[in-house]
Amino acid sequence: VQLVESGGGLVQPGGSLRLSCVASGFMFSRHDMSWYRQAPGKERELVADILSIGGSTNYADSVKGRFTISRDNAKNTVYLQMNRLQPEDTAVYYCHTRFFGSWGQGTQVTVSS
């Protein structure tokens, strides 16, 4: 199982980024997927997840209305569209599959003027 994130970077407050996570080594379409983040000195926290069946989504209260998780099963990819970014969103963002307990290497998102 391999998860490879990309799309992080430095963005000004109010800006947007789209993260991608390409999965391999398992039947992606059959598994729920999640995005987590970890800020310096803080525990890793769930940002959003998306179910394999029906595509239902769930978000942390802190990102509701600003972030959107989606998936493209044909591309084995899960996305996180992040809008109206705030300095508090600065963290390393990780892709995760709960079934296999696997994590990607993470991608850094820094929101700063």
Protein backbone atom coordinates (compact mmCIF):
# COMPACT_ATOMS: atom_id res chain seq x y z
CA VAL A 1 0.00 0.00 0.00
CA GLN A 2 1.43 3.37 -1.00
CA LEU A 3 -0.02 6.87 -0.63
CA VAL A 4 1.71 9.85 -2.22
CA GLU A 5 0.52 13.36 -1.42
CA SER A 6 1.23 16.50 -3.40
CA GLY A 7 -0.03 20.04 -3.83
CA GLY A 8 1.13 21.71 -0.64
CA GLY A 9 2.93 25.03 -0.52
CA LEU A 10 2.96 28.57 0.78
CA VAL A 11 -0.23 30.59 0.35
CA GLN A 12 -1.49 33.89 1.68
CA PRO A 13 -4.47 34.03 4.05
CA GLY A 14 -7.68 33.79 2.08
CA GLY A 15 -6.01 31.78 -0.67
CA SER A 16 -6.66 28.28 -1.96
CA LEU A 17 -4.78 25.05 -2.53
CA ARG A 18 -5.74 21.63 -3.82
CA LEU A 19 -4.02 18.60 -2.35
CA SER A 20 -3.87 15.27 -4.17
CA CYS A 21 -3.14 11.78 -2.89
CA VAL A 22 -2.43 9.00 -5.36
CA ALA A 23 -2.97 5.51 -3.95
CA SER A 24 -1.55 2.21 -5.12
CA GLY A 25 -1.28 -1.38 -3.94
CA PHE A 26 -4.93 -1.90 -3.05
CA MET A 27 -8.42 -1.67 -4.53
CA PHE A 28 -8.83 2.06 -4.00
CA SER A 29 -12.51 2.23 -4.98
CA ARG A 30 -13.47 -0.15 -2.18
CA HIS A 31 -11.97 1.82 0.68
CA ASP A 32 -12.80 4.90 2.68
CA MET A 33 -10.15 7.60 2.55
CA SER A 34 -9.21 10.42 4.90
CA TRP A 35 -7.12 13.55 5.16
CA TYR A 36 -5.45 14.37 8.47
CA ARG A 37 -3.17 17.22 9.47
CA GLN A 38 -0.57 17.84 12.14
CA ALA A 39 0.54 21.30 13.19
CA PRO A 40 3.80 21.86 15.10
CA GLY A 41 3.42 20.82 18.73
CA LYS A 42 -0.07 19.44 18.20
CA GLU A 43 -1.56 16.00 17.72
CA ARG A 44 -2.58 14.74 14.32
CA GLU A 45 -6.26 15.50 13.68
CA LEU A 46 -8.87 14.35 11.21
CA VAL A 47 -9.70 16.96 8.59
CA ALA A 48 -12.11 15.10 6.33
CA ASP A 49 -13.04 11.66 5.11
CA ILE A 50 -14.98 10.19 2.24
CA LEU A 51 -16.68 6.83 2.11
CA SER A 52 -16.11 4.33 -0.66
CA ILE A 53 -19.81 3.59 -1.03
CA GLY A 54 -21.98 6.55 -1.89
CA GLY A 55 -19.18 9.06 -1.46
CA SER A 56 -20.55 10.49 1.78
CA THR A 57 -18.22 13.01 3.39
CA ASN A 58 -17.42 14.17 6.91
CA TYR A 59 -15.49 17.28 8.01
CA ALA A 60 -13.91 18.69 11.11
CA ASP A 61 -15.87 21.68 12.38
CA SER A 62 -12.87 23.93 11.82
CA VAL A 63 -12.89 23.35 8.05
CA LYS A 64 -16.60 22.94 7.27
CA GLY A 65 -17.68 25.22 4.47
CA ARG A 66 -14.06 25.88 3.39
CA PHE A 67 -12.62 22.47 2.51
CA THR A 68 -14.00 19.85 0.15
CA ILE A 69 -12.86 16.22 -0.06
CA SER A 70 -13.48 14.28 -3.25
CA ARG A 71 -12.22 11.18 -5.00
CA ASP A 72 -11.66 9.93 -8.54
CA ASN A 73 -11.69 6.15 -8.45
CA ALA A 74 -10.55 5.93 -12.07
CA LYS A 75 -7.35 7.74 -11.07
CA ASN A 76 -6.95 6.16 -7.62
CA THR A 77 -6.82 9.67 -6.24
CA VAL A 78 -8.37 11.53 -3.35
CA TYR A 79 -8.36 15.33 -3.29
CA LEU A 80 -8.69 18.04 -0.70
CA GLN A 81 -9.76 21.42 -2.05
CA MET A 82 -8.94 24.07 0.54
CA ASN A 83 -10.44 27.55 0.20
CA ARG A 84 -10.30 30.64 2.42
CA LEU A 85 -7.17 29.32 4.07
CA GLN A 86 -6.20 30.74 7.43
CA PRO A 87 -2.89 30.73 9.35
CA GLU A 88 -4.42 28.12 11.69
CA ASP A 89 -4.56 25.72 8.73
CA THR A 90 -0.75 25.59 8.61
CA ALA A 91 0.24 21.95 9.07
CA VAL A 92 1.56 18.87 7.37
CA TYR A 93 -1.36 17.20 5.62
CA TYR A 94 -1.51 13.41 5.38
CA CYS A 95 -3.55 11.01 3.34
CA HIS A 96 -4.78 7.92 5.22
CA THR A 97 -6.54 4.66 4.62
CA ARG A 98 -8.00 3.42 7.88
CA PHE A 99 -8.46 -0.17 6.71
CA PHE A 100 -4.77 -0.68 6.07
CA GLY A 101 -3.52 1.81 8.65
CA SER A 102 -1.31 3.38 6.00
CA TRP A 103 -0.11 6.98 5.81
CA GLY A 104 1.51 9.03 3.10
CA GLN A 105 4.68 11.04 3.65
CA GLY A 106 2.71 14.26 4.06
CA THR A 107 2.69 17.58 2.27
CA GLN A 108 3.41 20.90 3.98
CA VAL A 109 0.80 23.65 3.84
CA THR A 110 1.87 27.06 5.13
CA VAL A 111 -0.57 29.95 5.31
CA SER A 112 1.23 33.22 5.89
CA SER A 113 1.45 36.76 4.57
